[in-house]
């Protein structure tokens, strides 16, 4: 977590905007537990993980959208959800990820 905070501080010092994604619910066989975080800068940098790689691309895009719009959103990924198969979450669980721009 310390590395994530340091990266955010560097990005903010450079004048970049930042969004943070946090796992807020994990059910079944999920790759990360509640509290796992990923941060994304407006310059395209990323640090941390919310899924071990299988949904990071979709979460990265949601973070970029949050930076652009200023709006937070809750994402849901699970094996019964067609979106989960599209992004590669076939581990048998489901996770909810809250994406929010830092202000």
PDB file of N, CA and C in Angstrom:
ATOM      1  N   UNK A   1       0.821  -1.194   0.000  1.00  0.00           N
ATOM      2  CA  UNK A   1       0.000   0.000   0.000  1.00  0.00           C
ATOM      3  C   UNK A   1       0.863   1.255   0.000  1.00  0.00           C
ATOM      4  N   UNK A   2       2.014   1.161   0.636  1.00  0.00           N
ATOM      5  CA  UNK A   2       2.922   2.308   0.707  1.00  0.00           C
ATOM      6  C   UNK A   2       3.353   2.748  -0.692  1.00  0.00           C
ATOM      7  N   UNK A   3       3.612   1.775  -1.586  1.00  0.00           N
ATOM      8  CA  UNK A   3       4.026   2.103  -2.950  1.00  0.00           C
ATOM      9  C   UNK A   3       2.926   2.840  -3.697  1.00  0.00           C
ATOM     10  N   UNK A   4       1.679   2.450  -3.438  1.00  0.00           N
ATOM     11  CA  UNK A   4       0.545   3.098  -4.106  1.00  0.00           C
ATOM     12  C   UNK A   4       0.473   4.559  -3.682  1.00  0.00           C
ATOM     13  N   UNK A   5       0.600   4.819  -2.406  1.00  0.00           N
ATOM     14  CA  UNK A   5       0.535   6.192  -1.903  1.00  0.00           C
ATOM     15  C   UNK A   5       1.672   7.027  -2.476  1.00  0.00           C
ATOM     16  N   UNK A   6       2.878   6.463  -2.517  1.00  0.00           N
ATOM     17  CA  UNK A   6       4.016   7.195  -3.076  1.00  0.00           C
ATOM     18  C   UNK A   6       3.798   7.526  -4.550  1.00  0.00           C
ATOM     19  N   UNK A   7       3.258   6.567  -5.306  1.00  0.00           N
ATOM     20  CA  UNK A   7       2.992   6.809  -6.733  1.00  0.00           C
ATOM     21  C   UNK A   7       1.953   7.906  -6.902  1.00  0.00           C
ATOM     22  N   UNK A   8       0.891   7.862  -6.113  1.00  0.00           N
ATOM     23  CA  UNK A   8      -0.145   8.894  -6.186  1.00  0.00           C
ATOM     24  C   UNK A   8       0.458  10.263  -5.897  1.00  0.00           C
ATOM     25  N   UNK A   9       1.289  10.343  -4.880  1.00  0.00           N
ATOM     26  CA  UNK A   9       1.925  11.622  -4.536  1.00  0.00           C
ATOM     27  C   UNK A   9       2.791  12.136  -5.682  1.00  0.00           C
ATOM     28  N   UNK A  10       3.538  11.242  -6.349  1.00  0.00           N
ATOM     29  CA  UNK A  10       4.366  11.646  -7.498  1.00  0.00           C
ATOM     30  C   UNK A  10       3.495  12.165  -8.642  1.00  0.00           C
ATOM     31  N   UNK A  11       2.427  11.435  -8.938  1.00  0.00           N
ATOM     32  CA  UNK A  11       1.550  11.847 -10.034  1.00  0.00           C
ATOM     33  C   UNK A  11       0.914  13.200  -9.752  1.00  0.00           C
ATOM     34  N   UNK A  12       0.433  13.384  -8.533  1.00  0.00           N
ATOM     35  CA  UNK A  12      -0.187  14.659  -8.169  1.00  0.00           C
ATOM     36  C   UNK A  12       0.825  15.797  -8.232  1.00  0.00           C
ATOM     37  N   UNK A  13       2.065  15.546  -7.809  1.00  0.00           N
ATOM     38  CA  UNK A  13       3.118  16.563  -7.850  1.00  0.00           C
ATOM     39  C   UNK A  13       3.413  16.979  -9.293  1.00  0.00           C
ATOM     40  N   UNK A  14       3.226  16.057 -10.244  1.00  0.00           N
ATOM     41  CA  UNK A  14       3.432  16.366 -11.672  1.00  0.00           C
ATOM     42  C   UNK A  14       2.202  17.033 -12.290  1.00  0.00           C
ATOM     43  N   UNK A  15       1.156  17.201 -11.505  1.00  0.00           N
ATOM     44  CA  UNK A  15      -0.052  17.845 -12.010  1.00  0.00           C
ATOM     45  C   UNK A  15      -1.040  16.900 -12.678  1.00  0.00           C
ATOM     46  N   UNK A  16      -0.805  15.600 -12.538  1.00  0.00           N
ATOM     47  CA  UNK A  16      -1.725  14.629 -13.122  1.00  0.00           C
ATOM     48  C   UNK A  16      -2.931  14.432 -12.204  1.00  0.00           C
ATOM     49  N   UNK A  17      -4.025  13.984 -12.795  1.00  0.00           N
ATOM     50  CA  UNK A  17      -5.195  13.612 -12.017  1.00  0.00           C
ATOM     51  C   UNK A  17      -5.112  12.111 -11.746  1.00  0.00           C
ATOM     52  N   UNK A  18      -5.829  11.675 -10.707  1.00  0.00           N
ATOM     53  CA  UNK A  18      -5.727  10.285 -10.263  1.00  0.00           C
ATOM     54  C   UNK A  18      -7.113   9.738  -9.927  1.00  0.00           C
ATOM     55  N   UNK A  19      -7.301   8.458 -10.225  1.00  0.00           N
ATOM     56  CA  UNK A  19      -8.488   7.730  -9.771  1.00  0.00           C
ATOM     57  C   UNK A  19      -8.007   6.492  -9.022  1.00  0.00           C
ATOM     58  N   UNK A  20      -8.791   6.091  -8.032  1.00  0.00           N
ATOM     59  CA  UNK A  20      -8.458   4.918  -7.229  1.00  0.00           C
ATOM     60  C   UNK A  20      -9.605   3.921  -7.322  1.00  0.00           C
ATOM     61  N   UNK A  21      -9.248   2.659  -7.536  1.00  0.00           N
ATOM     62  CA  UNK A  21     -10.220   1.566  -7.568  1.00  0.00           C
ATOM     63  C   UNK A  21      -9.993   0.703  -6.334  1.00  0.00           C
ATOM     64  N   UNK A  22     -11.067   0.351  -5.633  1.00  0.00           N
ATOM     65  CA  UNK A  22     -10.975  -0.436  -4.410  1.00  0.00           C
ATOM     66  C   UNK A  22     -11.965  -1.588  -4.457  1.00  0.00           C
ATOM     67  N   UNK A  23     -11.502  -2.786  -4.139  1.00  0.00           N
ATOM     68  CA  UNK A  23     -12.415  -3.928  -4.025  1.00  0.00           C
ATOM     69  C   UNK A  23     -13.258  -3.698  -2.773  1.00  0.00           C
ATOM     70  N   UNK A  24     -14.575  -3.611  -2.946  1.00  0.00           N
ATOM     71  CA  UNK A  24     -15.469  -3.360  -1.811  1.00  0.00           C
ATOM     72  C   UNK A  24     -16.298  -4.583  -1.441  1.00  0.00           C
ATOM     73  N   UNK A  25     -16.318  -5.594  -2.325  1.00  0.00           N
ATOM     74  CA  UNK A  25     -17.010  -6.841  -2.017  1.00  0.00           C
ATOM     75  C   UNK A  25     -16.358  -7.953  -2.816  1.00  0.00           C
ATOM     76  N   UNK A  26     -16.122  -9.073  -2.148  1.00  0.00           N
ATOM     77  CA  UNK A  26     -15.553 -10.252  -2.810  1.00  0.00           C
ATOM     78  C   UNK A  26     -16.321 -11.473  -2.337  1.00  0.00           C
ATOM     79  N   UNK A  27     -16.797 -12.265  -3.291  1.00  0.00           N
ATOM     80  CA  UNK A  27     -17.574 -13.464  -2.966  1.00  0.00           C
ATOM     81  C   UNK A  27     -16.966 -14.653  -3.702  1.00  0.00           C
ATOM     82  N   UNK A  28     -16.943 -15.796  -3.045  1.00  0.00           N
ATOM     83  CA  UNK A  28     -16.442 -17.000  -3.683  1.00  0.00           C
ATOM     84  C   UNK A  28     -14.944 -16.935  -3.913  1.00  0.00           C
ATOM     85  N   UNK A  29     -14.506 -17.524  -5.000  1.00  0.00           N
ATOM     86  CA  UNK A  29     -13.093 -17.590  -5.333  1.00  0.00           C
ATOM     87  C   UNK A  29     -12.684 -16.342  -6.100  1.00  0.00           C
ATOM     88  N   UNK A  30     -12.414 -15.281  -5.379  1.00  0.00           N
ATOM     89  CA  UNK A  30     -12.010 -14.039  -6.028  1.00  0.00           C
ATOM     90  C   UNK A  30     -10.505 -13.852  -5.876  1.00  0.00           C
ATOM     91  N   UNK A  31      -9.868 -13.243  -6.884  1.00  0.00           N
ATOM     92  CA  UNK A  31      -8.414 -13.120  -6.874  1.00  0.00           C
ATOM     93  C   UNK A  31      -7.866 -12.153  -5.827  1.00  0.00           C
ATOM     94  N   UNK A  32      -8.618 -11.154  -5.421  1.00  0.00           N
ATOM     95  CA  UNK A  32      -8.182 -10.201  -4.399  1.00  0.00           C
ATOM     96  C   UNK A  32      -9.308 -10.034  -3.388  1.00  0.00           C
ATOM     97  N   UNK A  33      -8.934  -9.669  -2.197  1.00  0.00           N
ATOM     98  CA  UNK A  33      -9.899  -9.506  -1.119  1.00  0.00           C
ATOM     99  C   UNK A  33     -10.328  -8.047  -0.973  1.00  0.00           C
ATOM    100  N   UNK A  34     -11.353  -7.820  -0.173  1.00  0.00           N
ATOM    101  CA  UNK A  34     -11.850  -6.477   0.107  1.00  0.00           C
ATOM    102  C   UNK A  34     -10.696  -5.613   0.602  1.00  0.00           C
ATOM    103  N   UNK A  35     -10.635  -4.411   0.058  1.00  0.00           N
ATOM    104  CA  UNK A  35      -9.590  -3.460   0.439  1.00  0.00           C
ATOM    105  C   UNK A  35      -8.454  -3.370  -0.567  1.00  0.00           C
ATOM    106  N   UNK A  36      -8.330  -4.343  -1.467  1.00  0.00           N
ATOM    107  CA  UNK A  36      -7.276  -4.278  -2.487  1.00  0.00           C
ATOM    108  C   UNK A  36      -7.489  -3.029  -3.332  1.00  0.00           C
ATOM    109  N   UNK A  37      -6.385  -2.355  -3.695  1.00  0.00           N
ATOM    110  CA  UNK A  37      -6.484  -1.084  -4.404  1.00  0.00           C
ATOM    111  C   UNK A  37      -5.609  -1.052  -5.644  1.00  0.00           C
ATOM    112  N   UNK A  38      -6.062  -0.235  -6.580  1.00  0.00           N
ATOM    113  CA  UNK A  38      -5.305   0.066  -7.786  1.00  0.00           C
ATOM    114  C   UNK A  38      -5.485   1.553  -8.050  1.00  0.00           C
ATOM    115  N   UNK A  39      -4.403   2.249  -8.395  1.00  0.00           N
ATOM    116  CA  UNK A  39      -4.486   3.669  -8.719  1.00  0.00           C
ATOM    117  C   UNK A  39      -4.046   3.871 -10.160  1.00  0.00           C
ATOM    118  N   UNK A  40      -4.676   4.840 -10.818  1.00  0.00           N
ATOM    119  CA  UNK A  40      -4.399   5.135 -12.218  1.00  0.00           C
ATOM    120  C   UNK A  40      -4.252   6.648 -12.365  1.00  0.00           C
ATOM    121  N   UNK A  41      -3.254   7.074 -13.152  1.00  0.00           N
ATOM    122  CA  UNK A  41      -3.065   8.505 -13.382  1.00  0.00           C
ATOM    123  C   UNK A  41      -3.632   8.894 -14.738  1.00  0.00           C
ATOM    124  N   UNK A  42      -3.898  10.183 -14.899  1.00  0.00           N
ATOM    125  CA  UNK A  42      -4.392  10.685 -16.180  1.00  0.00           C
ATOM    126  C   UNK A  42      -3.342  10.510 -17.272  1.00  0.00           C
ATOM    127  N   UNK A  43      -2.085  10.342 -16.896  1.00  0.00           N
ATOM    128  CA  UNK A  43      -1.014  10.107 -17.861  1.00  0.00           C
ATOM    129  C   UNK A  43      -0.898   8.664 -18.298  1.00  0.00           C
ATOM    130  N   UNK A  44      -1.723   7.780 -17.725  1.00  0.00           N
ATOM    131  CA  UNK A  44      -1.733   6.387 -18.129  1.00  0.00           C
ATOM    132  C   UNK A  44      -0.929   5.447 -17.258  1.00  0.00           C
ATOM    133  N   UNK A  45      -0.384   5.939 -16.152  1.00  0.00           N
ATOM    134  CA  UNK A  45       0.343   5.065 -15.227  1.00  0.00           C
ATOM    135  C   UNK A  45      -0.635   4.310 -14.352  1.00  0.00           C
ATOM    136  N   UNK A  46      -0.204   3.137 -13.874  1.00  0.00           N
ATOM    137  CA  UNK A  46      -1.057   2.306 -13.028  1.00  0.00           C
ATOM    138  C   UNK A  46      -0.180   1.626 -11.985  1.00  0.00           C
ATOM    139  N   UNK A  47      -0.731   1.478 -10.779  1.00  0.00           N
ATOM    140  CA  UNK A  47      -0.041   0.745  -9.721  1.00  0.00           C
ATOM    141  C   UNK A  47      -1.083   0.034  -8.867  1.00  0.00           C
ATOM    142  N   UNK A  48      -0.718  -1.109  -8.319  1.00  0.00           N
ATOM    143  CA  UNK A  48      -1.628  -1.888  -7.493  1.00  0.00           C
ATOM    144  C   UNK A  48      -2.415  -2.874  -8.342  1.00  0.00           C
ATOM    145  N   UNK A  49      -3.325  -3.590  -7.690  1.00  0.00           N
ATOM    146  CA  UNK A  49      -4.099  -4.613  -8.378  1.00  0.00           C
ATOM    147  C   UNK A  49      -5.407  -4.863  -7.645  1.00  0.00           C
ATOM    148  N   UNK A  50      -6.462  -5.050  -8.422  1.00  0.00           N
ATOM    149  CA  UNK A  50      -7.752  -5.405  -7.837  1.00  0.00           C
ATOM    150  C   UNK A  50      -8.183  -6.814  -8.219  1.00  0.00           C
ATOM    151  N   UNK A  51      -7.387  -7.465  -9.101  1.00  0.00           N
ATOM    152  CA  UNK A  51      -7.826  -8.787  -9.531  1.00  0.00           C
ATOM    153  C   UNK A  51      -6.719  -9.749  -9.900  1.00  0.00           C
ATOM    154  N   UNK A  52      -5.501  -9.377  -9.775  1.00  0.00           N
ATOM    155  CA  UNK A  52      -4.437 -10.260 -10.209  1.00  0.00           C
ATOM    156  C   UNK A  52      -4.284 -10.275 -11.710  1.00  0.00           C
ATOM    157  N   UNK A  53      -4.876  -9.320 -12.398  1.00  0.00           N
ATOM    158  CA  UNK A  53      -4.684  -9.167 -13.823  1.00  0.00           C
ATOM    159  C   UNK A  53      -5.888  -9.395 -14.698  1.00  0.00           C
ATOM    160  N   UNK A  54      -6.886 -10.144 -14.221  1.00  0.00           N
ATOM    161  CA  UNK A  54      -7.968 -10.532 -15.133  1.00  0.00           C
ATOM    162  C   UNK A  54      -8.953  -9.416 -15.458  1.00  0.00           C
ATOM    163  N   UNK A  55      -9.124  -8.410 -14.608  1.00  0.00           N
ATOM    164  CA  UNK A  55     -10.050  -7.321 -14.941  1.00  0.00           C
ATOM    165  C   UNK A  55      -9.367  -5.956 -14.927  1.00  0.00           C
ATOM    166  N   UNK A  56      -8.053  -5.935 -14.766  1.00  0.00           N
ATOM    167  CA  UNK A  56      -7.358  -4.661 -14.667  1.00  0.00           C
ATOM    168  C   UNK A  56      -7.614  -3.745 -15.867  1.00  0.00           C
ATOM    169  N   UNK A  57      -7.691  -4.300 -17.075  1.00  0.00           N
ATOM    170  CA  UNK A  57      -7.940  -3.475 -18.256  1.00  0.00           C
ATOM    171  C   UNK A  57      -9.262  -2.732 -18.173  1.00  0.00           C
ATOM    172  N   UNK A  58     -10.312  -3.437 -17.774  1.00  0.00           N
ATOM    173  CA  UNK A  58     -11.634  -2.808 -17.647  1.00  0.00           C
ATOM    174  C   UNK A  58     -11.636  -1.778 -16.524  1.00  0.00           C
ATOM    175  N   UNK A  59     -10.954  -2.078 -15.425  1.00  0.00           N
ATOM    176  CA  UNK A  59     -10.900  -1.140 -14.299  1.00  0.00           C
ATOM    177  C   UNK A  59     -10.059   0.083 -14.674  1.00  0.00           C
ATOM    178  N   UNK A  60      -8.962  -0.131 -15.411  1.00  0.00           N
ATOM    179  CA  UNK A  60      -8.146   0.983 -15.892  1.00  0.00           C
ATOM    180  C   UNK A  60      -9.005   1.944 -16.713  1.00  0.00           C
ATOM    181  N   UNK A  61      -9.796   1.406 -17.642  1.00  0.00           N
ATOM    182  CA  UNK A  61     -10.671   2.243 -18.466  1.00  0.00           C
ATOM    183  C   UNK A  61     -11.695   2.984 -17.614  1.00  0.00           C
ATOM    184  N   UNK A  62     -12.254   2.309 -16.614  1.00  0.00           N
ATOM    185  CA  UNK A  62     -13.226   2.961 -15.727  1.00  0.00           C
ATOM    186  C   UNK A  62     -12.559   4.081 -14.941  1.00  0.00           C
ATOM    187  N   UNK A  63     -11.304   3.882 -14.544  1.00  0.00           N
ATOM    188  CA  UNK A  63     -10.568   4.939 -13.833  1.00  0.00           C
ATOM    189  C   UNK A  63     -10.347   6.143 -14.741  1.00  0.00           C
ATOM    190  N   UNK A  64      -9.976   5.891 -15.995  1.00  0.00           N
ATOM    191  CA  UNK A  64      -9.796   7.005 -16.941  1.00  0.00           C
ATOM    192  C   UNK A  64     -11.115   7.765 -17.136  1.00  0.00           C
ATOM    193  N   UNK A  65     -12.224   7.043 -17.220  1.00  0.00           N
ATOM    194  CA  UNK A  65     -13.541   7.680 -17.349  1.00  0.00           C
ATOM    195  C   UNK A  65     -13.869   8.498 -16.102  1.00  0.00           C
ATOM    196  N   UNK A  66     -13.527   7.981 -14.926  1.00  0.00           N
ATOM    197  CA  UNK A  66     -13.790   8.708 -13.670  1.00  0.00           C
ATOM    198  C   UNK A  66     -12.972   9.990 -13.616  1.00  0.00           C
ATOM    199  N   UNK A  67     -11.732   9.928 -14.070  1.00  0.00           N
ATOM    200  CA  UNK A  67     -10.895  11.131 -14.108  1.00  0.00           C
ATOM    201  C   UNK A  67     -11.525  12.167 -15.034  1.00  0.00           C
ATOM    202  N   UNK A  68     -11.954  11.726 -16.216  1.00  0.00           N
ATOM    203  CA  UNK A  68     -12.525  12.646 -17.208  1.00  0.00           C
ATOM    204  C   UNK A  68     -13.858  13.241 -16.759  1.00  0.00           C
ATOM    205  N   UNK A  69     -14.703  12.424 -16.134  1.00  0.00           N
ATOM    206  CA  UNK A  69     -16.053  12.872 -15.776  1.00  0.00           C
ATOM    207  C   UNK A  69     -16.169  13.440 -14.364  1.00  0.00           C
ATOM    208  N   UNK A  70     -15.238  13.041 -13.493  1.00  0.00           N
ATOM    209  CA  UNK A  70     -15.338  13.439 -12.093  1.00  0.00           C
ATOM    210  C   UNK A  70     -16.348  12.605 -11.324  1.00  0.00           C
ATOM    211  N   UNK A  71     -16.871  11.553 -11.946  1.00  0.00           N
ATOM    212  CA  UNK A  71     -17.914  10.727 -11.341  1.00  0.00           C
ATOM    213  C   UNK A  71     -17.363   9.391 -10.855  1.00  0.00           C
ATOM    214  N   UNK A  72     -17.801   8.975  -9.678  1.00  0.00           N
ATOM    215  CA  UNK A  72     -17.474   7.659  -9.143  1.00  0.00           C
ATOM    216  C   UNK A  72     -18.445   6.637  -9.703  1.00  0.00           C
ATOM    217  N   UNK A  73     -18.040   5.363  -9.676  1.00  0.00           N
ATOM    218  CA  UNK A  73     -18.976   4.313 -10.081  1.00  0.00           C
ATOM    219  C   UNK A  73     -18.589   2.984  -9.458  1.00  0.00           C
ATOM    220  N   UNK A  74     -19.595   2.130  -9.341  1.00  0.00           N
ATOM    221  CA  UNK A  74     -19.404   0.798  -8.786  1.00  0.00           C
ATOM    222  C   UNK A  74     -19.452  -0.198  -9.932  1.00  0.00           C
ATOM    223  N   UNK A  75     -18.401  -1.021 -10.040  1.00  0.00           N
ATOM    224  CA  UNK A  75     -18.321  -2.046 -11.079  1.00  0.00           C
ATOM    225  C   UNK A  75     -18.564  -3.411 -10.454  1.00  0.00           C
ATOM    226  N   UNK A  76     -19.231  -4.290 -11.177  1.00  0.00           N
ATOM    227  CA  UNK A  76     -19.455  -5.655 -10.700  1.00  0.00           C
ATOM    228  C   UNK A  76     -18.919  -6.627 -11.736  1.00  0.00           C
ATOM    229  N   UNK A  77     -18.135  -7.593 -11.271  1.00  0.00           N
ATOM    230  CA  UNK A  77     -17.615  -8.639 -12.138  1.00  0.00           C
ATOM    231  C   UNK A  77     -17.882  -9.976 -11.464  1.00  0.00           C
ATOM    232  N   UNK A  78     -18.442 -10.912 -12.223  1.00  0.00           N
ATOM    233  CA  UNK A  78     -18.707 -12.245 -11.703  1.00  0.00           C
ATOM    234  C   UNK A  78     -18.893 -13.221 -12.839  1.00  0.00           C
ATOM    235  N   UNK A  79     -18.750 -14.507 -12.557  1.00  0.00           N
ATOM    236  CA  UNK A  79     -18.813 -15.496 -13.634  1.00  0.00           C
ATOM    237  C   UNK A  79     -20.173 -15.584 -14.297  1.00  0.00           C
ATOM    238  N   UNK A  80     -21.233 -15.159 -13.627  1.00  0.00           N
ATOM    239  CA  UNK A  80     -22.548 -15.175 -14.248  1.00  0.00           C
ATOM    240  C   UNK A  80     -22.757 -13.944 -15.124  1.00  0.00           C
ATOM    241  N   UNK A  81     -21.870 -12.984 -14.995  1.00  0.00           N
ATOM    242  CA  UNK A  81     -21.939 -11.729 -15.725  1.00  0.00           C
ATOM    243  C   UNK A  81     -21.141 -11.873 -17.026  1.00  0.00           C
ATOM    244  N   UNK A  82     -21.757 -11.630 -18.163  1.00  0.00           N
ATOM    245  CA  UNK A  82     -21.066 -11.775 -19.447  1.00  0.00           C
ATOM    246  C   UNK A  82     -19.810 -10.908 -19.503  1.00  0.00           C
ATOM    247  N   UNK A  83     -19.838  -9.750 -18.846  1.00  0.00           N
ATOM    248  CA  UNK A  83     -18.668  -8.880 -18.819  1.00  0.00           C
ATOM    249  C   UNK A  83     -17.480  -9.590 -18.196  1.00  0.00           C
ATOM    250  N   UNK A  84     -17.710 -10.419 -17.208  1.00  0.00           N
ATOM    251  CA  UNK A  84     -16.613 -11.128 -16.556  1.00  0.00           C
ATOM    252  C   UNK A  84     -15.877 -12.014 -17.545  1.00  0.00           C
ATOM    253  N   UNK A  85     -16.593 -12.710 -18.399  1.00  0.00           N
ATOM    254  CA  UNK A  85     -15.946 -13.570 -19.396  1.00  0.00           C
ATOM    255  C   UNK A  85     -15.163 -12.728 -20.388  1.00  0.00           C
ATOM    256  N   UNK A  86     -15.704 -11.573 -20.765  1.00  0.00           N
ATOM    257  CA  UNK A  86     -15.024 -10.698 -21.722  1.00  0.00           C
ATOM    258  C   UNK A  86     -13.678 -10.231 -21.189  1.00  0.00           C
ATOM    259  N   UNK A  87     -13.590  -9.972 -19.885  1.00  0.00           N
ATOM    260  CA  UNK A  87     -12.338  -9.469 -19.321  1.00  0.00           C
ATOM    261  C   UNK A  87     -11.493 -10.564 -18.703  1.00  0.00           C
ATOM    262  N   UNK A  88     -11.983 -11.790 -18.678  1.00  0.00           N
ATOM    263  CA  UNK A  88     -11.170 -12.913 -18.222  1.00  0.00           C
ATOM    264  C   UNK A  88     -11.385 -13.351 -16.797  1.00  0.00           C
ATOM    265  N   UNK A  89     -12.456 -12.934 -16.128  1.00  0.00           N
ATOM    266  CA  UNK A  89     -12.716 -13.339 -14.750  1.00  0.00           C
ATOM    267  C   UNK A  89     -13.526 -14.628 -14.754  1.00  0.00           C
ATOM    268  N   UNK A  90     -12.825 -15.737 -14.823  1.00  0.00           N
ATOM    269  CA  UNK A  90     -13.504 -17.030 -14.858  1.00  0.00           C
ATOM    270  C   UNK A  90     -13.084 -17.879 -13.665  1.00  0.00           C
ATOM    271  N   UNK A  91     -12.754 -17.233 -12.553  1.00  0.00           N
ATOM    272  CA  UNK A  91     -12.207 -17.947 -11.395  1.00  0.00           C
ATOM    273  C   UNK A  91     -13.295 -18.499 -10.479  1.00  0.00           C
ATOM    274  N   UNK A  92     -14.556 -18.217 -10.758  1.00  0.00           N
ATOM    275  CA  UNK A  92     -15.632 -18.777  -9.967  1.00  0.00           C
ATOM    276  C   UNK A  92     -16.196 -17.846  -8.917  1.00  0.00           C
ATOM    277  N   UNK A  93     -15.652 -16.666  -8.764  1.00  0.00           N
ATOM    278  CA  UNK A  93     -16.150 -15.728  -7.764  1.00  0.00           C
ATOM    279  C   UNK A  93     -16.702 -14.479  -8.407  1.00  0.00           C
ATOM    280  N   UNK A  94     -16.964 -13.503  -7.567  1.00  0.00           N
ATOM    281  CA  UNK A  94     -17.400 -12.201  -8.066  1.00  0.00           C
ATOM    282  C   UNK A  94     -16.812 -11.127  -7.173  1.00  0.00           C
ATOM    283  N   UNK A  95     -16.573  -9.963  -7.765  1.00  0.00           N
ATOM    284  CA  UNK A  95     -16.072  -8.837  -6.989  1.00  0.00           C
ATOM    285  C   UNK A  95     -16.774  -7.568  -7.436  1.00  0.00           C
ATOM    286  N   UNK A  96     -16.920  -6.660  -6.487  1.00  0.00           N
ATOM    287  CA  UNK A  96     -17.392  -5.306  -6.770  1.00  0.00           C
ATOM    288  C   UNK A  96     -16.214  -4.379  -6.527  1.00  0.00           C
ATOM    289  N   UNK A  97     -16.010  -3.461  -7.458  1.00  0.00           N
ATOM    290  CA  UNK A  97     -14.901  -2.531  -7.385  1.00  0.00           C
ATOM    291  C   UNK A  97     -15.466  -1.116  -7.460  1.00  0.00           C
ATOM    292  N   UNK A  98     -15.137  -0.297  -6.466  1.00  0.00           N
ATOM    293  CA  UNK A  98     -15.568   1.096  -6.450  1.00  0.00           C
ATOM    294  C   UNK A  98     -14.454   1.943  -7.034  1.00  0.00           C
ATOM    295  N   UNK A  99     -14.794   2.715  -8.069  1.00  0.00           N
ATOM    296  CA  UNK A  99     -13.831   3.576  -8.758  1.00  0.00           C
ATOM    297  C   UNK A  99     -14.184   5.016  -8.445  1.00  0.00           C
ATOM    298  N   UNK A 100     -13.193   5.767  -7.976  1.00  0.00           N
ATOM    299  CA  UNK A 100     -13.447   7.163  -7.628  1.00  0.00           C
ATOM    300  C   UNK A 100     -12.266   8.057  -8.006  1.00  0.00           C
ATOM    301  N   UNK A 101     -12.581   9.234  -8.562  1.00  0.00           N
ATOM    302  CA  UNK A 101     -11.500  10.181  -8.838  1.00  0.00           C
ATOM    303  C   UNK A 101     -11.051  10.825  -7.536  1.00  0.00           C
ATOM    304  N   UNK A 102      -9.744  11.066  -7.401  1.00  0.00           N
ATOM    305  CA  UNK A 102      -9.259  11.799  -6.223  1.00  0.00           C
ATOM    306  C   UNK A 102      -9.481  13.271  -6.465  1.00  0.00           C
ATOM    307  N   UNK A 103      -9.865  13.959  -5.431  1.00  0.00           N
ATOM    308  CA  UNK A 103     -10.077  15.401  -5.536  1.00  0.00           C
ATOM    309  C   UNK A 103      -9.070  16.115  -4.693  1.00  0.00           C
TER     310      UNK A 103
END
